Amino acid sequence: MKVDIQSIHFDADKKLLAFISEKLEKVNTFHTGIKSADVYLRIEKDAEKENKAVEVKLNMNGIDVFAKEHSSTFEAATDLVLDKVVAQVKKHKEKLQAKSS
């Protein structure tokens, strides 16, 4: 799976990028048809406590899965957004299996 991580209006450190890449590889175990992942990291509204936003877009066979989450840290937001993505991937996989039955 090709992973593209973009940090918008700031420079993400290598530790954060490695953390996100590692988490995305685990998503790949739920469905083998994931071709690429686009991740966008943003800091929104600096005065708010939960101002770290993570957006993930997965390109699977014929469909795109998208989720966005906010938290006080990028790591926490990544965990939350990947929970949503995994749920969507599992749902798509179940639909495919139901059609083939």
PDB file of N, CA and C in Angstrom:
ATOM      1  N   MET A   1       0.850  -1.175   0.000  1.00  0.00           N
ATOM      2  CA  MET A   1       0.000   0.000   0.000  1.00  0.00           C
ATOM      3  C   MET A   1       0.897   1.240   0.000  1.00  0.00           C
ATOM      4  N   LYS A   2       0.566   2.169  -0.869  1.00  0.00           N
ATOM      5  CA  LYS A   2       1.298   3.438  -0.948  1.00  0.00           C
ATOM      6  C   LYS A   2       0.695   4.408   0.069  1.00  0.00           C
ATOM      7  N   VAL A   3       1.541   4.989   0.904  1.00  0.00           N
ATOM      8  CA  VAL A   3       1.080   5.922   1.937  1.00  0.00           C
ATOM      9  C   VAL A   3       1.659   7.303   1.656  1.00  0.00           C
ATOM     10  N   ASP A   4       0.785   8.310   1.611  1.00  0.00           N
ATOM     11  CA  ASP A   4       1.200   9.699   1.405  1.00  0.00           C
ATOM     12  C   ASP A   4       0.694  10.518   2.591  1.00  0.00           C
ATOM     13  N   ILE A   5       1.617  11.060   3.384  1.00  0.00           N
ATOM     14  CA  ILE A   5       1.256  11.839   4.569  1.00  0.00           C
ATOM     15  C   ILE A   5       1.656  13.288   4.332  1.00  0.00           C
ATOM     16  N   GLN A   6       0.681  14.193   4.480  1.00  0.00           N
ATOM     17  CA  GLN A   6       0.939  15.617   4.289  1.00  0.00           C
ATOM     18  C   GLN A   6       0.588  16.368   5.564  1.00  0.00           C
ATOM     19  N   SER A   7       1.545  17.128   6.056  1.00  0.00           N
ATOM     20  CA  SER A   7       1.275  17.996   7.203  1.00  0.00           C
ATOM     21  C   SER A   7       1.082  19.409   6.659  1.00  0.00           C
ATOM     22  N   ILE A   8      -0.054  19.994   6.988  1.00  0.00           N
ATOM     23  CA  ILE A   8      -0.442  21.278   6.414  1.00  0.00           C
ATOM     24  C   ILE A   8      -0.136  22.408   7.396  1.00  0.00           C
ATOM     25  N   HIS A   9       0.684  23.355   6.961  1.00  0.00           N
ATOM     26  CA  HIS A   9       1.091  24.543   7.724  1.00  0.00           C
ATOM     27  C   HIS A   9       1.985  24.232   8.928  1.00  0.00           C
ATOM     28  N   PHE A  10       2.613  23.061   8.941  1.00  0.00           N
ATOM     29  CA  PHE A  10       3.623  22.742   9.949  1.00  0.00           C
ATOM     30  C   PHE A  10       4.436  21.556   9.438  1.00  0.00           C
ATOM     31  N   ASP A  11       5.568  21.297  10.082  1.00  0.00           N
ATOM     32  CA  ASP A  11       6.412  20.163   9.717  1.00  0.00           C
ATOM     33  C   ASP A  11       6.261  19.073  10.766  1.00  0.00           C
ATOM     34  N   ALA A  12       5.778  17.918  10.347  1.00  0.00           N
ATOM     35  CA  ALA A  12       5.616  16.786  11.260  1.00  0.00           C
ATOM     36  C   ALA A  12       6.971  16.112  11.460  1.00  0.00           C
ATOM     37  N   ASP A  13       7.223  15.660  12.683  1.00  0.00           N
ATOM     38  CA  ASP A  13       8.490  14.987  12.945  1.00  0.00           C
ATOM     39  C   ASP A  13       8.434  13.537  12.454  1.00  0.00           C
ATOM     40  N   LYS A  14       9.604  12.938  12.301  1.00  0.00           N
ATOM     41  CA  LYS A  14       9.710  11.585  11.754  1.00  0.00           C
ATOM     42  C   LYS A  14       9.033  10.554  12.647  1.00  0.00           C
ATOM     43  N   LYS A  15       9.048  10.790  13.945  1.00  0.00           N
ATOM     44  CA  LYS A  15       8.423   9.859  14.884  1.00  0.00           C
ATOM     45  C   LYS A  15       6.911   9.782  14.642  1.00  0.00           C
ATOM     46  N   LEU A  16       6.273  10.920  14.422  1.00  0.00           N
ATOM     47  CA  LEU A  16       4.837  10.957  14.139  1.00  0.00           C
ATOM     48  C   LEU A  16       4.537  10.282  12.806  1.00  0.00           C
ATOM     49  N   LEU A  17       5.337  10.552  11.793  1.00  0.00           N
ATOM     50  CA  LEU A  17       5.132   9.942  10.482  1.00  0.00           C
ATOM     51  C   LEU A  17       5.282   8.424  10.555  1.00  0.00           C
ATOM     52  N   ALA A  18       6.267   7.954  11.312  1.00  0.00           N
ATOM     53  CA  ALA A  18       6.461   6.511  11.480  1.00  0.00           C
ATOM     54  C   ALA A  18       5.285   5.889  12.225  1.00  0.00           C
ATOM     55  N   PHE A  19       4.779   6.580  13.245  1.00  0.00           N
ATOM     56  CA  PHE A  19       3.623   6.104  14.012  1.00  0.00           C
ATOM     57  C   PHE A  19       2.409   5.921  13.096  1.00  0.00           C
ATOM     58  N   ILE A  20       2.141   6.915  12.266  1.00  0.00           N
ATOM     59  CA  ILE A  20       0.984   6.862  11.367  1.00  0.00           C
ATOM     60  C   ILE A  20       1.159   5.757  10.328  1.00  0.00           C
ATOM     61  N   SER A  21       2.339   5.644   9.752  1.00  0.00           N
ATOM     62  CA  SER A  21       2.591   4.600   8.753  1.00  0.00           C
ATOM     63  C   SER A  21       2.408   3.210   9.344  1.00  0.00           C
ATOM     64  N   GLU A  22       2.899   3.021  10.562  1.00  0.00           N
ATOM     65  CA  GLU A  22       2.764   1.728  11.239  1.00  0.00           C
ATOM     66  C   GLU A  22       1.293   1.384  11.478  1.00  0.00           C
ATOM     67  N   LYS A  23       0.520   2.357  11.919  1.00  0.00           N
ATOM     68  CA  LYS A  23      -0.909   2.139  12.166  1.00  0.00           C
ATOM     69  C   LYS A  23      -1.644   1.815  10.864  1.00  0.00           C
ATOM     70  N   LEU A  24      -1.287   2.489   9.781  1.00  0.00           N
ATOM     71  CA  LEU A  24      -1.945   2.243   8.498  1.00  0.00           C
ATOM     72  C   LEU A  24      -1.640   0.848   7.964  1.00  0.00           C
ATOM     73  N   GLU A  25      -0.452   0.347   8.217  1.00  0.00           N
ATOM     74  CA  GLU A  25      -0.118  -1.011   7.779  1.00  0.00           C
ATOM     75  C   GLU A  25      -1.017  -2.036   8.461  1.00  0.00           C
ATOM     76  N   LYS A  26      -1.430  -1.764   9.690  1.00  0.00           N
ATOM     77  CA  LYS A  26      -2.338  -2.670  10.396  1.00  0.00           C
ATOM     78  C   LYS A  26      -3.720  -2.678   9.745  1.00  0.00           C
ATOM     79  N   VAL A  27      -4.145  -1.549   9.193  1.00  0.00           N
ATOM     80  CA  VAL A  27      -5.434  -1.479   8.494  1.00  0.00           C
ATOM     81  C   VAL A  27      -5.397  -2.380   7.265  1.00  0.00           C
ATOM     82  N   ASN A  28      -4.244  -2.488   6.647  1.00  0.00           N
ATOM     83  CA  ASN A  28      -4.083  -3.308   5.448  1.00  0.00           C
ATOM     84  C   ASN A  28      -4.385  -4.781   5.716  1.00  0.00           C
ATOM     85  N   THR A  29      -4.319  -5.222   6.955  1.00  0.00           N
ATOM     86  CA  THR A  29      -4.604  -6.621   7.281  1.00  0.00           C
ATOM     87  C   THR A  29      -6.096  -6.934   7.212  1.00  0.00           C
ATOM     88  N   PHE A  30      -6.954  -5.928   7.265  1.00  0.00           N
ATOM     89  CA  PHE A  30      -8.395  -6.155   7.235  1.00  0.00           C
ATOM     90  C   PHE A  30      -8.934  -6.328   5.819  1.00  0.00           C
ATOM     91  N   HIS A  31      -8.225  -5.819   4.826  1.00  0.00           N
ATOM     92  CA  HIS A  31      -8.674  -5.922   3.436  1.00  0.00           C
ATOM     93  C   HIS A  31      -7.449  -5.837   2.537  1.00  0.00           C
ATOM     94  N   THR A  32      -7.312  -6.790   1.644  1.00  0.00           N
ATOM     95  CA  THR A  32      -6.122  -6.823   0.789  1.00  0.00           C
ATOM     96  C   THR A  32      -6.221  -5.902  -0.419  1.00  0.00           C
ATOM     97  N   GLY A  33      -7.390  -5.317  -0.658  1.00  0.00           N
ATOM     98  CA  GLY A  33      -7.582  -4.482  -1.835  1.00  0.00           C
ATOM     99  C   GLY A  33      -7.265  -3.016  -1.641  1.00  0.00           C
ATOM    100  N   ILE A  34      -6.631  -2.646  -0.540  1.00  0.00           N
ATOM    101  CA  ILE A  34      -6.300  -1.239  -0.300  1.00  0.00           C
ATOM    102  C   ILE A  34      -5.068  -0.883  -1.132  1.00  0.00           C
ATOM    103  N   LYS A  35      -5.231   0.078  -2.035  1.00  0.00           N
ATOM    104  CA  LYS A  35      -4.144   0.453  -2.940  1.00  0.00           C
ATOM    105  C   LYS A  35      -3.286   1.578  -2.388  1.00  0.00           C
ATOM    106  N   SER A  36      -3.940   2.600  -1.811  1.00  0.00           N
ATOM    107  CA  SER A  36      -3.181   3.747  -1.319  1.00  0.00           C
ATOM    108  C   SER A  36      -3.916   4.419  -0.172  1.00  0.00           C
ATOM    109  N   ALA A  37      -3.157   5.187   0.584  1.00  0.00           N
ATOM    110  CA  ALA A  37      -3.718   5.952   1.698  1.00  0.00           C
ATOM    111  C   ALA A  37      -3.161   7.367   1.643  1.00  0.00           C
ATOM    112  N   ASP A  38      -4.061   8.336   1.742  1.00  0.00           N
ATOM    113  CA  ASP A  38      -3.674   9.742   1.832  1.00  0.00           C
ATOM    114  C   ASP A  38      -4.041  10.229   3.224  1.00  0.00           C
ATOM    115  N   VAL A  39      -3.070  10.797   3.924  1.00  0.00           N
ATOM    116  CA  VAL A  39      -3.287  11.280   5.286  1.00  0.00           C
ATOM    117  C   VAL A  39      -2.960  12.767   5.318  1.00  0.00           C
ATOM    118  N   TYR A  40      -3.864  13.542   5.920  1.00  0.00           N
ATOM    119  CA  TYR A  40      -3.672  14.985   6.048  1.00  0.00           C
ATOM    120  C   TYR A  40      -3.679  15.344   7.527  1.00  0.00           C
ATOM    121  N   LEU A  41      -2.631  16.010   7.974  1.00  0.00           N
ATOM    122  CA  LEU A  41      -2.504  16.453   9.361  1.00  0.00           C
ATOM    123  C   LEU A  41      -2.663  17.969   9.390  1.00  0.00           C
ATOM    124  N   ARG A  42      -3.546  18.446  10.249  1.00  0.00           N
ATOM    125  CA  ARG A  42      -3.797  19.891  10.341  1.00  0.00           C
ATOM    126  C   ARG A  42      -3.878  20.322  11.801  1.00  0.00           C
ATOM    127  N   ILE A  43      -3.492  21.569  12.032  1.00  0.00           N
ATOM    128  CA  ILE A  43      -3.727  22.211  13.323  1.00  0.00           C
ATOM    129  C   ILE A  43      -4.789  23.269  13.066  1.00  0.00           C
ATOM    130  N   GLU A  44      -5.946  23.098  13.697  1.00  0.00           N
ATOM    131  CA  GLU A  44      -7.082  23.989  13.468  1.00  0.00           C
ATOM    132  C   GLU A  44      -7.389  24.790  14.724  1.00  0.00           C
ATOM    133  N   LYS A  45      -7.742  26.039  14.559  1.00  0.00           N
ATOM    134  CA  LYS A  45      -8.188  26.899  15.657  1.00  0.00           C
ATOM    135  C   LYS A  45      -7.293  26.736  16.888  1.00  0.00           C
ATOM    136  N   ASP A  46      -6.164  27.357  16.866  1.00  0.00           N
ATOM    137  CA  ASP A  46      -5.138  27.177  17.891  1.00  0.00           C
ATOM    138  C   ASP A  46      -5.621  27.356  19.324  1.00  0.00           C
ATOM    139  N   ALA A  47      -6.679  28.106  19.561  1.00  0.00           N
ATOM    140  CA  ALA A  47      -7.154  28.354  20.923  1.00  0.00           C
ATOM    141  C   ALA A  47      -7.882  27.148  21.519  1.00  0.00           C
ATOM    142  N   GLU A  48      -8.386  26.252  20.687  1.00  0.00           N
ATOM    143  CA  GLU A  48      -9.128  25.099  21.191  1.00  0.00           C
ATOM    144  C   GLU A  48      -8.184  24.011  21.681  1.00  0.00           C
ATOM    145  N   LYS A  49      -8.664  23.218  22.642  1.00  0.00           N
ATOM    146  CA  LYS A  49      -7.853  22.147  23.207  1.00  0.00           C
ATOM    147  C   LYS A  49      -7.662  21.005  22.207  1.00  0.00           C
ATOM    148  N   GLU A  50      -8.741  20.588  21.569  1.00  0.00           N
ATOM    149  CA  GLU A  50      -8.669  19.496  20.598  1.00  0.00           C
ATOM    150  C   GLU A  50      -8.538  20.071  19.189  1.00  0.00           C
ATOM    151  N   ASN A  51      -7.355  20.606  18.908  1.00  0.00           N
ATOM    152  CA  ASN A  51      -7.158  21.305  17.644  1.00  0.00           C
ATOM    153  C   ASN A  51      -6.341  20.518  16.624  1.00  0.00           C
ATOM    154  N   LYS A  52      -5.986  19.282  16.922  1.00  0.00           N
ATOM    155  CA  LYS A  52      -5.221  18.456  15.990  1.00  0.00           C
ATOM    156  C   LYS A  52      -6.201  17.612  15.180  1.00  0.00           C
ATOM    157  N   ALA A  53      -6.177  17.768  13.864  1.00  0.00           N
ATOM    158  CA  ALA A  53      -7.087  17.035  12.986  1.00  0.00           C
ATOM    159  C   ALA A  53      -6.298  16.075  12.102  1.00  0.00           C
ATOM    160  N   VAL A  54      -6.821  14.864  11.979  1.00  0.00           N
ATOM    161  CA  VAL A  54      -6.242  13.861  11.095  1.00  0.00           C
ATOM    162  C   VAL A  54      -7.336  13.397  10.142  1.00  0.00           C
ATOM    163  N   GLU A  55      -7.056  13.466   8.853  1.00  0.00           N
ATOM    164  CA  GLU A  55      -7.975  12.989   7.822  1.00  0.00           C
ATOM    165  C   GLU A  55      -7.298  11.843   7.084  1.00  0.00           C
ATOM    166  N   VAL A  56      -8.043  10.768   6.849  1.00  0.00           N
ATOM    167  CA  VAL A  56      -7.507   9.613   6.137  1.00  0.00           C
ATOM    168  C   VAL A  56      -8.440   9.269   4.987  1.00  0.00           C
ATOM    169  N   LYS A  57      -7.852   9.081   3.821  1.00  0.00           N
ATOM    170  CA  LYS A  57      -8.604   8.644   2.646  1.00  0.00           C
ATOM    171  C   LYS A  57      -7.918   7.399   2.101  1.00  0.00           C
ATOM    172  N   LEU A  58      -8.651   6.281   2.077  1.00  0.00           N
ATOM    173  CA  LEU A  58      -8.130   5.034   1.533  1.00  0.00           C
ATOM    174  C   LEU A  58      -8.731   4.803   0.163  1.00  0.00           C
ATOM    175  N   ASN A  59      -7.899   4.415  -0.781  1.00  0.00           N
ATOM    176  CA  ASN A  59      -8.358   4.058  -2.114  1.00  0.00           C
ATOM    177  C   ASN A  59      -8.370   2.539  -2.185  1.00  0.00           C
ATOM    178  N   MET A  60      -9.589   1.987  -2.229  1.00  0.00           N
ATOM    179  CA  MET A  60      -9.748   0.542  -2.331  1.00  0.00           C
ATOM    180  C   MET A  60     -10.294   0.226  -3.717  1.00  0.00           C
ATOM    181  N   ASN A  61     -10.444  -1.039  -4.009  1.00  0.00           N
ATOM    182  CA  ASN A  61     -10.940  -1.471  -5.317  1.00  0.00           C
ATOM    183  C   ASN A  61     -12.271  -0.814  -5.651  1.00  0.00           C
ATOM    184  N   GLY A  62     -12.220   0.302  -6.344  1.00  0.00           N
ATOM    185  CA  GLY A  62     -13.430   0.946  -6.817  1.00  0.00           C
ATOM    186  C   GLY A  62     -14.095   1.920  -5.869  1.00  0.00           C
ATOM    187  N   ILE A  63     -13.697   1.971  -4.613  1.00  0.00           N
ATOM    188  CA  ILE A  63     -14.317   2.911  -3.678  1.00  0.00           C
ATOM    189  C   ILE A  63     -13.243   3.643  -2.879  1.00  0.00           C
ATOM    190  N   ASP A  64     -13.642   4.767  -2.309  1.00  0.00           N
ATOM    191  CA  ASP A  64     -12.776   5.517  -1.402  1.00  0.00           C
ATOM    192  C   ASP A  64     -13.415   5.522  -0.027  1.00  0.00           C
ATOM    193  N   VAL A  65     -12.604   5.325   0.991  1.00  0.00           N
ATOM    194  CA  VAL A  65     -13.050   5.379   2.381  1.00  0.00           C
ATOM    195  C   VAL A  65     -12.425   6.626   2.986  1.00  0.00           C
ATOM    196  N   PHE A  66     -13.243   7.448   3.651  1.00  0.00           N
ATOM    197  CA  PHE A  66     -12.755   8.704   4.215  1.00  0.00           C
ATOM    198  C   PHE A  66     -13.230   8.851   5.653  1.00  0.00           C
ATOM    199  N   ALA A  67     -12.349   9.363   6.508  1.00  0.00           N
ATOM    200  CA  ALA A  67     -12.720   9.658   7.893  1.00  0.00           C
ATOM    201  C   ALA A  67     -11.857  10.812   8.392  1.00  0.00           C
ATOM    202  N   LYS A  68     -12.411  11.567   9.354  1.00  0.00           N
ATOM    203  CA  LYS A  68     -11.706  12.708   9.941  1.00  0.00           C
ATOM    204  C   LYS A  68     -11.993  12.732  11.433  1.00  0.00           C
ATOM    205  N   GLU A  69     -10.974  13.025  12.237  1.00  0.00           N
ATOM    206  CA  GLU A  69     -11.129  13.115  13.692  1.00  0.00           C
ATOM    207  C   GLU A  69     -10.262  14.233  14.245  1.00  0.00           C
ATOM    208  N   HIS A  70     -10.689  14.766  15.385  1.00  0.00           N
ATOM    209  CA  HIS A  70      -9.948  15.794  16.122  1.00  0.00           C
ATOM    210  C   HIS A  70      -9.590  15.250  17.502  1.00  0.00           C
ATOM    211  N   SER A  71      -8.454  15.697  18.028  1.00  0.00           N
ATOM    212  CA  SER A  71      -8.064  15.358  19.392  1.00  0.00           C
ATOM    213  C   SER A  71      -6.991  16.347  19.851  1.00  0.00           C
ATOM    214  N   SER A  72      -6.533  16.153  21.077  1.00  0.00           N
ATOM    215  CA  SER A  72      -5.513  17.058  21.611  1.00  0.00           C
ATOM    216  C   SER A  72      -4.109  16.707  21.114  1.00  0.00           C
ATOM    217  N   THR A  73      -3.926  15.463  20.628  1.00  0.00           N
ATOM    218  CA  THR A  73      -2.647  15.054  20.041  1.00  0.00           C
ATOM    219  C   THR A  73      -2.904  14.360  18.708  1.00  0.00           C
ATOM    220  N   PHE A  74      -1.907  14.375  17.850  1.00  0.00           N
ATOM    221  CA  PHE A  74      -2.049  13.699  16.563  1.00  0.00           C
ATOM    222  C   PHE A  74      -2.134  12.187  16.737  1.00  0.00           C
ATOM    223  N   GLU A  75      -1.429  11.656  17.730  1.00  0.00           N
ATOM    224  CA  GLU A  75      -1.472  10.214  17.965  1.00  0.00           C
ATOM    225  C   GLU A  75      -2.875   9.766  18.357  1.00  0.00           C
ATOM    226  N   ALA A  76      -3.511  10.503  19.254  1.00  0.00           N
ATOM    227  CA  ALA A  76      -4.874  10.162  19.684  1.00  0.00           C
ATOM    228  C   ALA A  76      -5.855  10.316  18.528  1.00  0.00           C
ATOM    229  N   ALA A  77      -5.713  11.373  17.757  1.00  0.00           N
ATOM    230  CA  ALA A  77      -6.592  11.581  16.603  1.00  0.00           C
ATOM    231  C   ALA A  77      -6.396  10.480  15.568  1.00  0.00           C
ATOM    232  N   THR A  78      -5.153  10.027  15.396  1.00  0.00           N
ATOM    233  CA  THR A  78      -4.871   8.934  14.466  1.00  0.00           C
ATOM    234  C   THR A  78      -5.569   7.658  14.909  1.00  0.00           C
ATOM    235  N   ASP A  79      -5.482   7.337  16.200  1.00  0.00           N
ATOM    236  CA  ASP A  79      -6.160   6.145  16.712  1.00  0.00           C
ATOM    237  C   ASP A  79      -7.666   6.225  16.479  1.00  0.00           C
ATOM    238  N   LEU A  80      -8.253   7.379  16.747  1.00  0.00           N
ATOM    239  CA  LEU A  80      -9.697   7.550  16.570  1.00  0.00           C
ATOM    240  C   LEU A  80     -10.106   7.433  15.105  1.00  0.00           C
ATOM    241  N   VAL A  81      -9.362   8.080  14.228  1.00  0.00           N
ATOM    242  CA  VAL A  81      -9.727   8.063  12.813  1.00  0.00           C
ATOM    243  C   VAL A  81      -9.528   6.671  12.215  1.00  0.00           C
ATOM    244  N   LEU A  82      -8.513   5.957  12.659  1.00  0.00           N
ATOM    245  CA  LEU A  82      -8.298   4.618  12.119  1.00  0.00           C
ATOM    246  C   LEU A  82      -9.345   3.634  12.619  1.00  0.00           C
ATOM    247  N   ASP A  83      -9.893   3.852  13.811  1.00  0.00           N
ATOM    248  CA  ASP A  83     -11.023   3.033  14.264  1.00  0.00           C
ATOM    249  C   ASP A  83     -12.196   3.192  13.304  1.00  0.00           C
ATOM    250  N   LYS A  84     -12.457   4.423  12.884  1.00  0.00           N
ATOM    251  CA  LYS A  84     -13.537   4.682  11.925  1.00  0.00           C
ATOM    252  C   LYS A  84     -13.244   4.039  10.571  1.00  0.00           C
ATOM    253  N   VAL A  85     -12.011   4.168  10.124  1.00  0.00           N
ATOM    254  CA  VAL A  85     -11.624   3.615   8.826  1.00  0.00           C
ATOM    255  C   VAL A  85     -11.739   2.093   8.838  1.00  0.00           C
ATOM    256  N   VAL A  86     -11.274   1.457   9.904  1.00  0.00           N
ATOM    257  CA  VAL A  86     -11.353  -0.003  10.007  1.00  0.00           C
ATOM    258  C   VAL A  86     -12.809  -0.459   9.968  1.00  0.00           C
ATOM    259  N   ALA A  87     -13.682   0.248  10.656  1.00  0.00           N
ATOM    260  CA  ALA A  87     -15.106  -0.104  10.647  1.00  0.00           C
ATOM    261  C   ALA A  87     -15.670  -0.014   9.227  1.00  0.00           C
ATOM    262  N   GLN A  88     -15.295   1.019   8.492  1.00  0.00           N
ATOM    263  CA  GLN A  88     -15.777   1.168   7.117  1.00  0.00           C
ATOM    264  C   GLN A  88     -15.213   0.080   6.203  1.00  0.00           C
ATOM    265  N   VAL A  89     -13.940  -0.266   6.396  1.00  0.00           N
ATOM    266  CA  VAL A  89     -13.308  -1.309   5.585  1.00  0.00           C
ATOM    267  C   VAL A  89     -13.982  -2.653   5.851  1.00  0.00           C
ATOM    268  N   LYS A  90     -14.231  -2.955   7.122  1.00  0.00           N
ATOM    269  CA  LYS A  90     -14.910  -4.210   7.465  1.00  0.00           C
ATOM    270  C   LYS A  90     -16.311  -4.252   6.866  1.00  0.00           C
ATOM    271  N   LYS A  91     -17.023  -3.146   6.922  1.00  0.00           N
ATOM    272  CA  LYS A  91     -18.374  -3.073   6.366  1.00  0.00           C
ATOM    273  C   LYS A  91     -18.342  -3.330   4.860  1.00  0.00           C
ATOM    274  N   HIS A  92     -17.386  -2.722   4.174  1.00  0.00           N
ATOM    275  CA  HIS A  92     -17.253  -2.924   2.734  1.00  0.00           C
ATOM    276  C   HIS A  92     -16.922  -4.385   2.424  1.00  0.00           C
ATOM    277  N   LYS A  93     -16.035  -4.976   3.208  1.00  0.00           N
ATOM    278  CA  LYS A  93     -15.644  -6.370   2.999  1.00  0.00           C
ATOM    279  C   LYS A  93     -16.844  -7.299   3.201  1.00  0.00           C
ATOM    280  N   GLU A  94     -17.658  -7.029   4.222  1.00  0.00           N
ATOM    281  CA  GLU A  94     -18.852  -7.837   4.468  1.00  0.00           C
ATOM    282  C   GLU A  94     -19.839  -7.729   3.307  1.00  0.00           C
ATOM    283  N   LYS A  95     -19.990  -6.539   2.750  1.00  0.00           N
ATOM    284  CA  LYS A  95     -20.879  -6.358   1.599  1.00  0.00           C
ATOM    285  C   LYS A  95     -20.393  -7.170   0.404  1.00  0.00           C
ATOM    286  N   LEU A  96     -19.088  -7.158   0.176  1.00  0.00           N
ATOM    287  CA  LEU A  96     -18.527  -7.922  -0.936  1.00  0.00           C
ATOM    288  C   LEU A  96     -18.740  -9.415  -0.739  1.00  0.00           C
ATOM    289  N   GLN A  97     -18.563  -9.890   0.494  1.00  0.00           N
ATOM    290  CA  GLN A  97     -18.754 -11.309   0.780  1.00  0.00           C
ATOM    291  C   GLN A  97     -20.219 -11.700   0.646  1.00  0.00           C
ATOM    292  N   ALA A  98     -21.127 -10.812   1.028  1.00  0.00           N
ATOM    293  CA  ALA A  98     -22.562 -11.097   0.911  1.00  0.00           C
ATOM    294  C   ALA A  98     -22.977 -11.183  -0.557  1.00  0.00           C
ATOM    295  N   LYS A  99     -22.397 -10.338  -1.396  1.00  0.00           N
ATOM    296  CA  LYS A  99     -22.718 -10.365  -2.824  1.00  0.00           C
ATOM    297  C   LYS A  99     -22.208 -11.638  -3.486  1.00  0.00           C
ATOM    298  N   SER A 100     -21.053 -12.111  -3.054  1.00  0.00           N
ATOM    299  CA  SER A 100     -20.461 -13.299  -3.680  1.00  0.00           C
ATOM    300  C   SER A 100     -21.118 -14.593  -3.202  1.00  0.00           C
ATOM    301  N   SER A 101     -21.875 -14.545  -2.117  1.00  0.00           N
ATOM    302  CA  SER A 101     -22.526 -15.757  -1.591  1.00  0.00           C
ATOM    303  C   SER A 101     -23.759 -16.114  -2.371  1.00  0.00           C
TER     304      SER A 101
END
